[in-house]
Amino acid sequence: MQCGAKCFLVEIELAGEKKLVPVKAKSSILARKTVRLQYEEAVKIISVKHQ
């Protein structure tokens, strides 16, 4: 975990199903990047919310 990191809830659509993924990152941009790296770049990110 990085200094100054916050928890974000990222709503994604993967294989036709919607999921909420908790991600710890410094910003919403880095949360999106983390999700793309974790799953795959073809995943559709619907929303990112600060928890």
PDB file of N, CA and C in Angstrom:
ATOM      1  N   MET A   1       0.845  -1.179   0.000  1.00  0.00           N
ATOM      2  CA  MET A   1       0.000   0.000   0.000  1.00  0.00           C
ATOM      3  C   MET A   1       0.890   1.242   0.000  1.00  0.00           C
ATOM      4  N   GLN A   2       0.490   2.222  -0.763  1.00  0.00           N
ATOM      5  CA  GLN A   2       1.267   3.443  -0.887  1.00  0.00           C
ATOM      6  C   GLN A   2       0.837   4.479   0.145  1.00  0.00           C
ATOM      7  N   CYS A   3       1.728   5.395   0.435  1.00  0.00           N
ATOM      8  CA  CYS A   3       1.416   6.491   1.339  1.00  0.00           C
ATOM      9  C   CYS A   3       0.367   7.388   0.692  1.00  0.00           C
ATOM     10  N   GLY A   4      -0.688   7.702   1.396  1.00  0.00           N
ATOM     11  CA  GLY A   4      -1.748   8.558   0.867  1.00  0.00           C
ATOM     12  C   GLY A   4      -2.779   7.819   0.034  1.00  0.00           C
ATOM     13  N   ALA A   5      -2.750   6.502   0.063  1.00  0.00           N
ATOM     14  CA  ALA A   5      -3.700   5.714  -0.733  1.00  0.00           C
ATOM     15  C   ALA A   5      -5.079   5.726  -0.080  1.00  0.00           C
ATOM     16  N   LYS A   6      -6.105   5.674  -0.932  1.00  0.00           N
ATOM     17  CA  LYS A   6      -7.496   5.636  -0.488  1.00  0.00           C
ATOM     18  C   LYS A   6      -8.136   4.394  -1.071  1.00  0.00           C
ATOM     19  N   CYS A   7      -9.312   4.069  -0.593  1.00  0.00           N
ATOM     20  CA  CYS A   7     -10.034   2.916  -1.111  1.00  0.00           C
ATOM     21  C   CYS A   7     -11.081   3.387  -2.108  1.00  0.00           C
ATOM     22  N   PHE A   8     -11.058   2.799  -3.292  1.00  0.00           N
ATOM     23  CA  PHE A   8     -12.020   3.114  -4.337  1.00  0.00           C
ATOM     24  C   PHE A   8     -12.817   1.865  -4.665  1.00  0.00           C
ATOM     25  N   LEU A   9     -14.100   2.050  -4.983  1.00  0.00           N
ATOM     26  CA  LEU A   9     -14.935   0.961  -5.469  1.00  0.00           C
ATOM     27  C   LEU A   9     -15.080   1.148  -6.976  1.00  0.00           C
ATOM     28  N   VAL A  10     -14.571   0.185  -7.726  1.00  0.00           N
ATOM     29  CA  VAL A  10     -14.614   0.250  -9.179  1.00  0.00           C
ATOM     30  C   VAL A  10     -15.663  -0.730  -9.661  1.00  0.00           C
ATOM     31  N   GLU A  11     -16.651  -0.219 -10.395  1.00  0.00           N
ATOM     32  CA  GLU A  11     -17.698  -1.069 -10.955  1.00  0.00           C
ATOM     33  C   GLU A  11     -17.278  -1.435 -12.375  1.00  0.00           C
ATOM     34  N   ILE A  12     -17.162  -2.744 -12.636  1.00  0.00           N
ATOM     35  CA  ILE A  12     -16.712  -3.207 -13.946  1.00  0.00           C
ATOM     36  C   ILE A  12     -17.736  -4.162 -14.540  1.00  0.00           C
ATOM     37  N   GLU A  13     -17.627  -4.339 -15.844  1.00  0.00           N
ATOM     38  CA  GLU A  13     -18.430  -5.339 -16.537  1.00  0.00           C
ATOM     39  C   GLU A  13     -17.453  -6.330 -17.151  1.00  0.00           C
ATOM     40  N   LEU A  14     -17.529  -7.569 -16.689  1.00  0.00           N
ATOM     41  CA  LEU A  14     -16.610  -8.611 -17.134  1.00  0.00           C
ATOM     42  C   LEU A  14     -17.424  -9.837 -17.512  1.00  0.00           C
ATOM     43  N   ALA A  15     -17.316 -10.251 -18.750  1.00  0.00           N
ATOM     44  CA  ALA A  15     -18.031 -11.424 -19.274  1.00  0.00           C
ATOM     45  C   ALA A  15     -19.544 -11.284 -19.094  1.00  0.00           C
ATOM     46  N   GLY A  16     -20.063 -10.079 -19.287  1.00  0.00           N
ATOM     47  CA  GLY A  16     -21.491  -9.857 -19.196  1.00  0.00           C
ATOM     48  C   GLY A  16     -22.034  -9.687 -17.789  1.00  0.00           C
ATOM     49  N   GLU A  17     -21.176  -9.728 -16.788  1.00  0.00           N
ATOM     50  CA  GLU A  17     -21.593  -9.574 -15.393  1.00  0.00           C
ATOM     51  C   GLU A  17     -20.980  -8.316 -14.802  1.00  0.00           C
ATOM     52  N   LYS A  18     -21.756  -7.623 -13.961  1.00  0.00           N
ATOM     53  CA  LYS A  18     -21.245  -6.435 -13.276  1.00  0.00           C
ATOM     54  C   LYS A  18     -20.665  -6.847 -11.931  1.00  0.00           C
ATOM     55  N   LYS A  19     -19.496  -6.304 -11.610  1.00  0.00           N
ATOM     56  CA  LYS A  19     -18.829  -6.594 -10.339  1.00  0.00           C
ATOM     57  C   LYS A  19     -18.363  -5.298  -9.707  1.00  0.00           C
ATOM     58  N   LEU A  20     -18.307  -5.272  -8.366  1.00  0.00           N
ATOM     59  CA  LEU A  20     -17.697  -4.185  -7.623  1.00  0.00           C
ATOM     60  C   LEU A  20     -16.357  -4.675  -7.093  1.00  0.00           C
ATOM     61  N   VAL A  21     -15.296  -3.975  -7.460  1.00  0.00           N
ATOM     62  CA  VAL A  21     -13.955  -4.377  -7.074  1.00  0.00           C
ATOM     63  C   VAL A  21     -13.357  -3.293  -6.176  1.00  0.00           C
ATOM     64  N   PRO A  22     -12.986  -3.613  -4.927  1.00  0.00           N
ATOM     65  CA  PRO A  22     -12.316  -2.626  -4.082  1.00  0.00           C
ATOM     66  C   PRO A  22     -10.840  -2.524  -4.468  1.00  0.00           C
ATOM     67  N   VAL A  23     -10.358  -1.291  -4.638  1.00  0.00           N
ATOM     68  CA  VAL A  23      -8.969  -1.057  -5.058  1.00  0.00           C
ATOM     69  C   VAL A  23      -8.380   0.023  -4.159  1.00  0.00           C
ATOM     70  N   LYS A  24      -7.146  -0.176  -3.699  1.00  0.00           N
ATOM     71  CA  LYS A  24      -6.438   0.839  -2.925  1.00  0.00           C
ATOM     72  C   LYS A  24      -5.464   1.540  -3.861  1.00  0.00           C
ATOM     73  N   ALA A  25      -5.659   2.860  -4.035  1.00  0.00           N
ATOM     74  CA  ALA A  25      -4.821   3.640  -4.938  1.00  0.00           C
ATOM     75  C   ALA A  25      -4.821   5.097  -4.480  1.00  0.00           C
ATOM     76  N   LYS A  26      -3.893   5.884  -5.030  1.00  0.00           N
ATOM     77  CA  LYS A  26      -3.804   7.297  -4.676  1.00  0.00           C
ATOM     78  C   LYS A  26      -4.879   8.138  -5.344  1.00  0.00           C
ATOM     79  N   SER A  27      -5.281   7.771  -6.557  1.00  0.00           N
ATOM     80  CA  SER A  27      -6.285   8.544  -7.291  1.00  0.00           C
ATOM     81  C   SER A  27      -7.196   7.609  -8.071  1.00  0.00           C
ATOM     82  N   SER A  28      -8.279   8.167  -8.594  1.00  0.00           N
ATOM     83  CA  SER A  28      -9.207   7.358  -9.380  1.00  0.00           C
ATOM     84  C   SER A  28      -8.561   6.879 -10.679  1.00  0.00           C
ATOM     85  N   ILE A  29      -7.650   7.666 -11.217  1.00  0.00           N
ATOM     86  CA  ILE A  29      -6.940   7.274 -12.440  1.00  0.00           C
ATOM     87  C   ILE A  29      -6.076   6.039 -12.186  1.00  0.00           C
ATOM     88  N   LEU A  30      -5.368   6.031 -11.062  1.00  0.00           N
ATOM     89  CA  LEU A  30      -4.543   4.868 -10.730  1.00  0.00           C
ATOM     90  C   LEU A  30      -5.403   3.653 -10.372  1.00  0.00           C
ATOM     91  N   ALA A  31      -6.597   3.879  -9.835  1.00  0.00           N
ATOM     92  CA  ALA A  31      -7.510   2.768  -9.549  1.00  0.00           C
ATOM     93  C   ALA A  31      -7.952   2.110 -10.852  1.00  0.00           C
ATOM     94  N   ARG A  32      -8.274   2.922 -11.865  1.00  0.00           N
ATOM     95  CA  ARG A  32      -8.645   2.386 -13.178  1.00  0.00           C
ATOM     96  C   ARG A  32      -7.492   1.595 -13.789  1.00  0.00           C
ATOM     97  N   LYS A  33      -6.285   2.149 -13.683  1.00  0.00           N
ATOM     98  CA  LYS A  33      -5.104   1.487 -14.244  1.00  0.00           C
ATOM     99  C   LYS A  33      -4.854   0.142 -13.563  1.00  0.00           C
ATOM    100  N   THR A  34      -5.034   0.101 -12.252  1.00  0.00           N
ATOM    101  CA  THR A  34      -4.837  -1.131 -11.495  1.00  0.00           C
ATOM    102  C   THR A  34      -5.821  -2.209 -11.930  1.00  0.00           C
ATOM    103  N   VAL A  35      -7.082  -1.820 -12.140  1.00  0.00           N
ATOM    104  CA  VAL A  35      -8.100  -2.781 -12.570  1.00  0.00           C
ATOM    105  C   VAL A  35      -7.768  -3.312 -13.962  1.00  0.00           C
ATOM    106  N   ARG A  36      -7.359  -2.422 -14.867  1.00  0.00           N
ATOM    107  CA  ARG A  36      -7.016  -2.867 -16.221  1.00  0.00           C
ATOM    108  C   ARG A  36      -5.842  -3.843 -16.211  1.00  0.00           C
ATOM    109  N   LEU A  37      -4.856  -3.592 -15.357  1.00  0.00           N
ATOM    110  CA  LEU A  37      -3.701  -4.490 -15.259  1.00  0.00           C
ATOM    111  C   LEU A  37      -4.071  -5.807 -14.597  1.00  0.00           C
ATOM    112  N   GLN A  38      -4.968  -5.752 -13.609  1.00  0.00           N
ATOM    113  CA  GLN A  38      -5.342  -6.950 -12.863  1.00  0.00           C
ATOM    114  C   GLN A  38      -6.176  -7.902 -13.707  1.00  0.00           C
ATOM    115  N   TYR A  39      -7.147  -7.377 -14.429  1.00  0.00           N
ATOM    116  CA  TYR A  39      -8.030  -8.232 -15.224  1.00  0.00           C
ATOM    117  C   TYR A  39      -7.520  -8.334 -16.652  1.00  0.00           C
ATOM    118  N   GLU A  40      -7.840  -7.356 -17.473  1.00  0.00           N
ATOM    119  CA  GLU A  40      -7.354  -7.282 -18.842  1.00  0.00           C
ATOM    120  C   GLU A  40      -7.822  -5.948 -19.392  1.00  0.00           C
ATOM    121  N   GLU A  41      -7.229  -5.503 -20.466  1.00  0.00           N
ATOM    122  CA  GLU A  41      -7.588  -4.192 -20.989  1.00  0.00           C
ATOM    123  C   GLU A  41      -8.958  -4.185 -21.644  1.00  0.00           C
ATOM    124  N   ALA A  42      -9.514  -5.344 -21.938  1.00  0.00           N
ATOM    125  CA  ALA A  42     -10.826  -5.424 -22.575  1.00  0.00           C
ATOM    126  C   ALA A  42     -11.971  -5.250 -21.578  1.00  0.00           C
ATOM    127  N   VAL A  43     -11.664  -5.187 -20.276  1.00  0.00           N
ATOM    128  CA  VAL A  43     -12.720  -5.023 -19.278  1.00  0.00           C
ATOM    129  C   VAL A  43     -13.314  -3.606 -19.401  1.00  0.00           C
ATOM    130  N   LYS A  44     -14.636  -3.526 -19.233  1.00  0.00           N
ATOM    131  CA  LYS A  44     -15.307  -2.235 -19.332  1.00  0.00           C
ATOM    132  C   LYS A  44     -15.498  -1.667 -17.936  1.00  0.00           C
ATOM    133  N   ILE A  45     -14.912  -0.505 -17.678  1.00  0.00           N
ATOM    134  CA  ILE A  45     -15.040   0.157 -16.386  1.00  0.00           C
ATOM    135  C   ILE A  45     -16.252   1.077 -16.443  1.00  0.00           C
ATOM    136  N   ILE A  46     -17.208   0.851 -15.561  1.00  0.00           N
ATOM    137  CA  ILE A  46     -18.442   1.619 -15.564  1.00  0.00           C
ATOM    138  C   ILE A  46     -18.308   2.874 -14.688  1.00  0.00           C
ATOM    139  N   SER A  47     -17.831   2.704 -13.454  1.00  0.00           N
ATOM    140  CA  SER A  47     -17.681   3.856 -12.578  1.00  0.00           C
ATOM    141  C   SER A  47     -16.600   3.606 -11.531  1.00  0.00           C
ATOM    142  N   VAL A  48     -16.079   4.706 -10.984  1.00  0.00           N
ATOM    143  CA  VAL A  48     -15.100   4.651  -9.902  1.00  0.00           C
ATOM    144  C   VAL A  48     -15.592   5.601  -8.822  1.00  0.00           C
ATOM    145  N   LYS A  49     -15.771   5.075  -7.597  1.00  0.00           N
ATOM    146  CA  LYS A  49     -16.269   5.887  -6.486  1.00  0.00           C
ATOM    147  C   LYS A  49     -15.322   5.791  -5.312  1.00  0.00           C
ATOM    148  N   HIS A  50     -15.110   6.926  -4.664  1.00  0.00           N
ATOM    149  CA  HIS A  50     -14.295   6.966  -3.448  1.00  0.00           C
ATOM    150  C   HIS A  50     -15.139   6.415  -2.315  1.00  0.00           C
ATOM    151  N   GLN A  51     -14.575   5.515  -1.545  1.00  0.00           N
ATOM    152  CA  GLN A  51     -15.337   4.885  -0.465  1.00  0.00           C
ATOM    153  C   GLN A  51     -15.180   5.632   0.818  1.00  0.00           C
TER     154      GLN A  51
END
